[in-house]
PDB file of N, CA and C in Angstrom:
ATOM      1  N   UNK A   1       0.751 -29.184 -29.231  1.00  0.00           N
ATOM      2  CA  UNK A   1      -0.612 -28.983 -28.768  1.00  0.00           C
ATOM      3  C   UNK A   1      -1.021 -30.119 -27.835  1.00  0.00           C
ATOM      4  N   UNK A   2      -1.846 -29.762 -26.901  1.00  0.00           N
ATOM      5  CA  UNK A   2      -2.339 -30.785 -25.989  1.00  0.00           C
ATOM      6  C   UNK A   2      -3.360 -31.666 -26.705  1.00  0.00           C
ATOM      7  N   UNK A   3      -3.514 -32.849 -26.180  1.00  0.00           N
ATOM      8  CA  UNK A   3      -4.472 -33.771 -26.786  1.00  0.00           C
ATOM      9  C   UNK A   3      -5.822 -33.702 -26.093  1.00  0.00           C
ATOM     10  N   UNK A   4      -5.900 -32.886 -25.023  1.00  0.00           N
ATOM     11  CA  UNK A   4      -7.140 -32.754 -24.280  1.00  0.00           C
ATOM     12  C   UNK A   4      -8.152 -31.896 -25.007  1.00  0.00           C
ATOM     13  N   UNK A   5      -9.262 -31.737 -24.369  1.00  0.00           N
ATOM     14  CA  UNK A   5     -10.364 -30.983 -24.954  1.00  0.00           C
ATOM     15  C   UNK A   5     -10.096 -29.480 -24.961  1.00  0.00           C
ATOM     16  N   UNK A   6      -9.412 -28.987 -23.913  1.00  0.00           N
ATOM     17  CA  UNK A   6      -9.222 -27.550 -23.754  1.00  0.00           C
ATOM     18  C   UNK A   6      -7.801 -27.116 -24.081  1.00  0.00           C
ATOM     19  N   UNK A   7      -7.688 -25.866 -24.481  1.00  0.00           N
ATOM     20  CA  UNK A   7      -6.413 -25.236 -24.801  1.00  0.00           C
ATOM     21  C   UNK A   7      -5.776 -24.738 -23.507  1.00  0.00           C
ATOM     22  N   UNK A   8      -4.487 -25.017 -23.300  1.00  0.00           N
ATOM     23  CA  UNK A   8      -3.808 -24.506 -22.116  1.00  0.00           C
ATOM     24  C   UNK A   8      -3.414 -23.053 -22.347  1.00  0.00           C
ATOM     25  N   UNK A   9      -3.146 -22.348 -21.253  1.00  0.00           N
ATOM     26  CA  UNK A   9      -2.758 -20.942 -21.360  1.00  0.00           C
ATOM     27  C   UNK A   9      -1.456 -20.804 -22.138  1.00  0.00           C
ATOM     28  N   UNK A  10      -0.511 -21.672 -21.885  1.00  0.00           N
ATOM     29  CA  UNK A  10       0.770 -21.626 -22.604  1.00  0.00           C
ATOM     30  C   UNK A  10       0.564 -21.828 -24.103  1.00  0.00           C
ATOM     31  N   UNK A  11      -0.270 -22.783 -24.471  1.00  0.00           N
ATOM     32  CA  UNK A  11      -0.550 -23.026 -25.888  1.00  0.00           C
ATOM     33  C   UNK A  11      -1.270 -21.837 -26.522  1.00  0.00           C
ATOM     34  N   UNK A  12      -2.191 -21.259 -25.772  1.00  0.00           N
ATOM     35  CA  UNK A  12      -2.930 -20.100 -26.288  1.00  0.00           C
ATOM     36  C   UNK A  12      -1.997 -18.920 -26.517  1.00  0.00           C
ATOM     37  N   UNK A  13      -1.059 -18.702 -25.591  1.00  0.00           N
ATOM     38  CA  UNK A  13      -0.097 -17.610 -25.768  1.00  0.00           C
ATOM     39  C   UNK A  13       0.778 -17.836 -26.987  1.00  0.00           C
ATOM     40  N   UNK A  14       1.273 -19.068 -27.134  1.00  0.00           N
ATOM     41  CA  UNK A  14       2.174 -19.376 -28.254  1.00  0.00           C
ATOM     42  C   UNK A  14       1.469 -19.282 -29.594  1.00  0.00           C
ATOM     43  N   UNK A  15       0.216 -19.726 -29.635  1.00  0.00           N
ATOM     44  CA  UNK A  15      -0.513 -19.730 -30.907  1.00  0.00           C
ATOM     45  C   UNK A  15      -1.263 -18.418 -31.165  1.00  0.00           C
ATOM     46  N   UNK A  16      -1.326 -17.550 -30.152  1.00  0.00           N
ATOM     47  CA  UNK A  16      -2.055 -16.291 -30.323  1.00  0.00           C
ATOM     48  C   UNK A  16      -3.554 -16.469 -30.287  1.00  0.00           C
ATOM     49  N   UNK A  17      -4.021 -17.559 -29.680  1.00  0.00           N
ATOM     50  CA  UNK A  17      -5.448 -17.874 -29.653  1.00  0.00           C
ATOM     51  C   UNK A  17      -6.032 -17.643 -28.252  1.00  0.00           C
ATOM     52  N   UNK A  18      -5.788 -16.461 -27.697  1.00  0.00           N
ATOM     53  CA  UNK A  18      -6.266 -16.163 -26.347  1.00  0.00           C
ATOM     54  C   UNK A  18      -7.785 -16.039 -26.285  1.00  0.00           C
ATOM     55  N   UNK A  19      -8.415 -15.650 -27.387  1.00  0.00           N
ATOM     56  CA  UNK A  19      -9.879 -15.567 -27.412  1.00  0.00           C
ATOM     57  C   UNK A  19     -10.504 -16.934 -27.147  1.00  0.00           C
ATOM     58  N   UNK A  20      -9.956 -17.957 -27.773  1.00  0.00           N
ATOM     59  CA  UNK A  20     -10.467 -19.318 -27.563  1.00  0.00           C
ATOM     60  C   UNK A  20     -10.254 -19.744 -26.115  1.00  0.00           C
ATOM     61  N   UNK A  21      -9.084 -19.415 -25.566  1.00  0.00           N
ATOM     62  CA  UNK A  21      -8.780 -19.778 -24.175  1.00  0.00           C
ATOM     63  C   UNK A  21      -9.774 -19.123 -23.223  1.00  0.00           C
ATOM     64  N   UNK A  22     -10.058 -17.828 -23.430  1.00  0.00           N
ATOM     65  CA  UNK A  22     -10.978 -17.139 -22.528  1.00  0.00           C
ATOM     66  C   UNK A  22     -12.406 -17.672 -22.639  1.00  0.00           C
ATOM     67  N   UNK A  23     -12.798 -18.132 -23.799  1.00  0.00           N
ATOM     68  CA  UNK A  23     -14.124 -18.733 -23.948  1.00  0.00           C
ATOM     69  C   UNK A  23     -14.194 -20.092 -23.252  1.00  0.00           C
ATOM     70  N   UNK A  24     -13.089 -20.844 -23.278  1.00  0.00           N
ATOM     71  CA  UNK A  24     -13.060 -22.162 -22.646  1.00  0.00           C
ATOM     72  C   UNK A  24     -12.934 -22.081 -21.133  1.00  0.00           C
ATOM     73  N   UNK A  25     -12.399 -20.979 -20.637  1.00  0.00           N
ATOM     74  CA  UNK A  25     -12.153 -20.833 -19.196  1.00  0.00           C
ATOM     75  C   UNK A  25     -12.791 -19.548 -18.679  1.00  0.00           C
ATOM     76  N   UNK A  26     -14.120 -19.536 -18.522  1.00  0.00           N
ATOM     77  CA  UNK A  26     -14.772 -18.316 -18.032  1.00  0.00           C
ATOM     78  C   UNK A  26     -14.355 -18.018 -16.592  1.00  0.00           C
ATOM     79  N   UNK A  27     -14.319 -16.751 -16.260  1.00  0.00           N
ATOM     80  CA  UNK A  27     -13.880 -16.339 -14.932  1.00  0.00           C
ATOM     81  C   UNK A  27     -15.032 -16.343 -13.931  1.00  0.00           C
ATOM     82  N   UNK A  28     -14.680 -16.572 -12.680  1.00  0.00           N
ATOM     83  CA  UNK A  28     -15.664 -16.480 -11.608  1.00  0.00           C
ATOM     84  C   UNK A  28     -15.263 -15.367 -10.646  1.00  0.00           C
ATOM     85  N   UNK A  29     -14.384 -14.494 -11.086  1.00  0.00           N
ATOM     86  CA  UNK A  29     -13.857 -13.435 -10.233  1.00  0.00           C
ATOM     87  C   UNK A  29     -14.834 -12.276 -10.123  1.00  0.00           C
ATOM     88  N   UNK A  30     -14.613 -11.438  -9.132  1.00  0.00           N
ATOM     89  CA  UNK A  30     -15.408 -10.237  -8.923  1.00  0.00           C
ATOM     90  C   UNK A  30     -14.799  -9.127  -9.769  1.00  0.00           C
ATOM     91  N   UNK A  31     -15.388  -8.849 -10.906  1.00  0.00           N
ATOM     92  CA  UNK A  31     -14.808  -7.892 -11.842  1.00  0.00           C
ATOM     93  C   UNK A  31     -14.796  -6.472 -11.275  1.00  0.00           C
ATOM     94  N   UNK A  32     -15.795  -6.093 -10.470  1.00  0.00           N
ATOM     95  CA  UNK A  32     -15.805  -4.753  -9.872  1.00  0.00           C
ATOM     96  C   UNK A  32     -14.627  -4.587  -8.910  1.00  0.00           C
ATOM     97  N   UNK A  33     -14.383  -5.590  -8.101  1.00  0.00           N
ATOM     98  CA  UNK A  33     -13.257  -5.523  -7.154  1.00  0.00           C
ATOM     99  C   UNK A  33     -11.929  -5.480  -7.908  1.00  0.00           C
ATOM    100  N   UNK A  34     -11.812  -6.271  -8.951  1.00  0.00           N
ATOM    101  CA  UNK A  34     -10.588  -6.263  -9.752  1.00  0.00           C
ATOM    102  C   UNK A  34     -10.346  -4.900 -10.381  1.00  0.00           C
ATOM    103  N   UNK A  35     -11.391  -4.302 -10.940  1.00  0.00           N
ATOM    104  CA  UNK A  35     -11.251  -2.985 -11.573  1.00  0.00           C
ATOM    105  C   UNK A  35     -10.855  -1.916 -10.561  1.00  0.00           C
ATOM    106  N   UNK A  36     -11.417  -1.962  -9.335  1.00  0.00           N
ATOM    107  CA  UNK A  36     -11.023  -1.012  -8.298  1.00  0.00           C
ATOM    108  C   UNK A  36      -9.556  -1.192  -7.927  1.00  0.00           C
ATOM    109  N   UNK A  37      -9.128  -2.442  -7.799  1.00  0.00           N
ATOM    110  CA  UNK A  37      -7.737  -2.735  -7.457  1.00  0.00           C
ATOM    111  C   UNK A  37      -6.802  -2.278  -8.563  1.00  0.00           C
ATOM    112  N   UNK A  38      -7.142  -2.555  -9.801  1.00  0.00           N
ATOM    113  CA  UNK A  38      -6.325  -2.142 -10.935  1.00  0.00           C
ATOM    114  C   UNK A  38      -6.200  -0.622 -11.004  1.00  0.00           C
ATOM    115  N   UNK A  39      -7.304   0.061 -10.785  1.00  0.00           N
ATOM    116  CA  UNK A  39      -7.277   1.527 -10.797  1.00  0.00           C
ATOM    117  C   UNK A  39      -6.408   2.062  -9.658  1.00  0.00           C
ATOM    118  N   UNK A  40      -6.534   1.484  -8.476  1.00  0.00           N
ATOM    119  CA  UNK A  40      -5.723   1.918  -7.339  1.00  0.00           C
ATOM    120  C   UNK A  40      -4.245   1.640  -7.586  1.00  0.00           C
ATOM    121  N   UNK A  41      -3.931   0.524  -8.193  1.00  0.00           N
ATOM    122  CA  UNK A  41      -2.538   0.193  -8.487  1.00  0.00           C
ATOM    123  C   UNK A  41      -1.956   1.171  -9.499  1.00  0.00           C
ATOM    124  N   UNK A  42      -2.741   1.548 -10.474  1.00  0.00           N
ATOM    125  CA  UNK A  42      -2.237   2.465 -11.493  1.00  0.00           C
ATOM    126  C   UNK A  42      -2.025   3.867 -10.934  1.00  0.00           C
ATOM    127  N   UNK A  43      -2.754   4.203  -9.872  1.00  0.00           N
ATOM    128  CA  UNK A  43      -2.595   5.509  -9.234  1.00  0.00           C
ATOM    129  C   UNK A  43      -1.561   5.457  -8.116  1.00  0.00           C
ATOM    130  N   UNK A  44      -1.204   4.267  -7.674  1.00  0.00           N
ATOM    131  CA  UNK A  44      -0.214   4.108  -6.616  1.00  0.00           C
ATOM    132  C   UNK A  44      -0.769   4.311  -5.221  1.00  0.00           C
ATOM    133  N   UNK A  45      -2.086   4.284  -5.063  1.00  0.00           N
ATOM    134  CA  UNK A  45      -2.703   4.506  -3.757  1.00  0.00           C
ATOM    135  C   UNK A  45      -3.801   3.464  -3.547  1.00  0.00           C
ATOM    136  N   UNK A  46      -3.783   2.830  -2.360  1.00  0.00           N
ATOM    137  CA  UNK A  46      -4.852   1.910  -2.000  1.00  0.00           C
ATOM    138  C   UNK A  46      -5.615   2.478  -0.823  1.00  0.00           C
ATOM    139  N   UNK A  47      -6.894   2.226  -0.793  1.00  0.00           N
ATOM    140  CA  UNK A  47      -7.686   2.629   0.364  1.00  0.00           C
ATOM    141  C   UNK A  47      -7.288   1.755   1.536  1.00  0.00           C
ATOM    142  N   UNK A  48      -7.349   2.313   2.735  1.00  0.00           N
ATOM    143  CA  UNK A  48      -6.928   1.574   3.922  1.00  0.00           C
ATOM    144  C   UNK A  48      -7.728   0.300   4.113  1.00  0.00           C
ATOM    145  N   UNK A  49      -8.997   0.318   3.791  1.00  0.00           N
ATOM    146  CA  UNK A  49      -9.841  -0.861   3.977  1.00  0.00           C
ATOM    147  C   UNK A  49      -9.467  -1.986   3.010  1.00  0.00           C
ATOM    148  N   UNK A  50      -8.769  -1.684   1.936  1.00  0.00           N
ATOM    149  CA  UNK A  50      -8.397  -2.683   0.939  1.00  0.00           C
ATOM    150  C   UNK A  50      -7.025  -3.306   1.210  1.00  0.00           C
ATOM    151  N   UNK A  51      -6.299  -2.796   2.218  1.00  0.00           N
ATOM    152  CA  UNK A  51      -4.957  -3.303   2.498  1.00  0.00           C
ATOM    153  C   UNK A  51      -4.911  -3.963   3.858  1.00  0.00           C
ATOM    154  N   UNK A  52      -3.915  -4.794   4.065  1.00  0.00           N
ATOM    155  CA  UNK A  52      -3.732  -5.421   5.368  1.00  0.00           C
ATOM    156  C   UNK A  52      -2.753  -4.608   6.192  1.00  0.00           C
ATOM    157  N   UNK A  53      -2.858  -4.716   7.490  1.00  0.00           N
ATOM    158  CA  UNK A  53      -1.977  -3.992   8.395  1.00  0.00           C
ATOM    159  C   UNK A  53      -0.622  -4.701   8.472  1.00  0.00           C
ATOM    160  N   UNK A  54       0.483  -3.962   8.499  1.00  0.00           N
ATOM    161  CA  UNK A  54       1.793  -4.598   8.610  1.00  0.00           C
ATOM    162  C   UNK A  54       1.978  -5.220   9.986  1.00  0.00           C
ATOM    163  N   UNK A  55       2.738  -6.279  10.038  1.00  0.00           N
ATOM    164  CA  UNK A  55       3.035  -6.968  11.278  1.00  0.00           C
ATOM    165  C   UNK A  55       4.166  -6.225  11.977  1.00  0.00           C
ATOM    166  N   UNK A  56       3.902  -5.656  13.134  1.00  0.00           N
ATOM    167  CA  UNK A  56       4.901  -4.861  13.860  1.00  0.00           C
ATOM    168  C   UNK A  56       6.121  -5.689  14.230  1.00  0.00           C
ATOM    169  N   UNK A  57       5.936  -6.972  14.553  1.00  0.00           N
ATOM    170  CA  UNK A  57       7.062  -7.818  14.952  1.00  0.00           C
ATOM    171  C   UNK A  57       8.036  -8.028  13.806  1.00  0.00           C
ATOM    172  N   UNK A  58       7.565  -8.001  12.575  1.00  0.00           N
ATOM    173  CA  UNK A  58       8.413  -8.262  11.417  1.00  0.00           C
ATOM    174  C   UNK A  58       9.091  -7.013  10.890  1.00  0.00           C
ATOM    175  N   UNK A  59       8.713  -5.842  11.401  1.00  0.00           N
ATOM    176  CA  UNK A  59       9.271  -4.610  10.856  1.00  0.00           C
ATOM    177  C   UNK A  59      10.661  -4.339  11.424  1.00  0.00           C
ATOM    178  N   UNK A  60      11.401  -3.547  10.698  1.00  0.00           N
ATOM    179  CA  UNK A  60      12.756  -3.175  11.092  1.00  0.00           C
ATOM    180  C   UNK A  60      12.764  -1.727  11.529  1.00  0.00           C
ATOM    181  N   UNK A  61      13.640  -1.394  12.466  1.00  0.00           N
ATOM    182  CA  UNK A  61      13.727   0.000  12.885  1.00  0.00           C
ATOM    183  C   UNK A  61      14.794   0.746  12.099  1.00  0.00           C
ATOM    184  N   UNK A  62      15.419   0.083  11.125  1.00  0.00           N
ATOM    185  CA  UNK A  62      16.369   0.738  10.252  1.00  0.00           C
ATOM    186  C   UNK A  62      17.810   0.669  10.723  1.00  0.00           C
ATOM    187  N   UNK A  63      18.067   0.142  11.908  1.00  0.00           N
ATOM    188  CA  UNK A  63      19.440   0.052  12.382  1.00  0.00           C
ATOM    189  C   UNK A  63      20.066  -1.238  11.929  1.00  0.00           C
ATOM    190  N   UNK A  64      21.390  -1.227  11.804  1.00  0.00           N
ATOM    191  CA  UNK A  64      22.114  -2.423  11.370  1.00  0.00           C
ATOM    192  C   UNK A  64      23.135  -2.793  12.448  1.00  0.00           C
ATOM    193  N   UNK A  65      23.348  -4.043  12.626  1.00  0.00           N
ATOM    194  CA  UNK A  65      24.326  -4.543  13.600  1.00  0.00           C
ATOM    195  C   UNK A  65      25.456  -5.208  12.830  1.00  0.00           C
ATOM    196  N   UNK A  66      26.689  -4.909  13.223  1.00  0.00           N
ATOM    197  CA  UNK A  66      27.834  -5.530  12.582  1.00  0.00           C
ATOM    198  C   UNK A  66      27.873  -7.017  12.855  1.00  0.00           C
ATOM    199  N   UNK A  67      28.404  -7.755  11.903  1.00  0.00           N
ATOM    200  CA  UNK A  67      28.560  -9.197  12.101  1.00  0.00           C
ATOM    201  C   UNK A  67      29.566  -9.463  13.197  1.00  0.00           C
ATOM    202  N   UNK A  68      29.287 -10.491  13.980  1.00  0.00           N
ATOM    203  CA  UNK A  68      30.219 -10.887  15.003  1.00  0.00           C
ATOM    204  C   UNK A  68      30.129 -10.072  16.287  1.00  0.00           C
ATOM    205  N   UNK A  69      29.134  -9.199  16.410  1.00  0.00           N
ATOM    206  CA  UNK A  69      28.992  -8.436  17.645  1.00  0.00           C
ATOM    207  C   UNK A  69      27.914  -8.986  18.517  1.00  0.00           C
TER     208      UNK A  69
END
């Protein structure tokens, strides 16, 4: 166990005391946005406005070149 005031996530997982950890470390996240993202991930579809556009320069056209050519 840590000697500090707060429980670390690793200690909370090992001891099964996640409730104490969550009380000591309140979230500042946007819960509505997280829930929308989680729902979209579970359905396998994201809205276009929630995703970034792929970089055309980094994409591959699917062809392969032999080594040494």
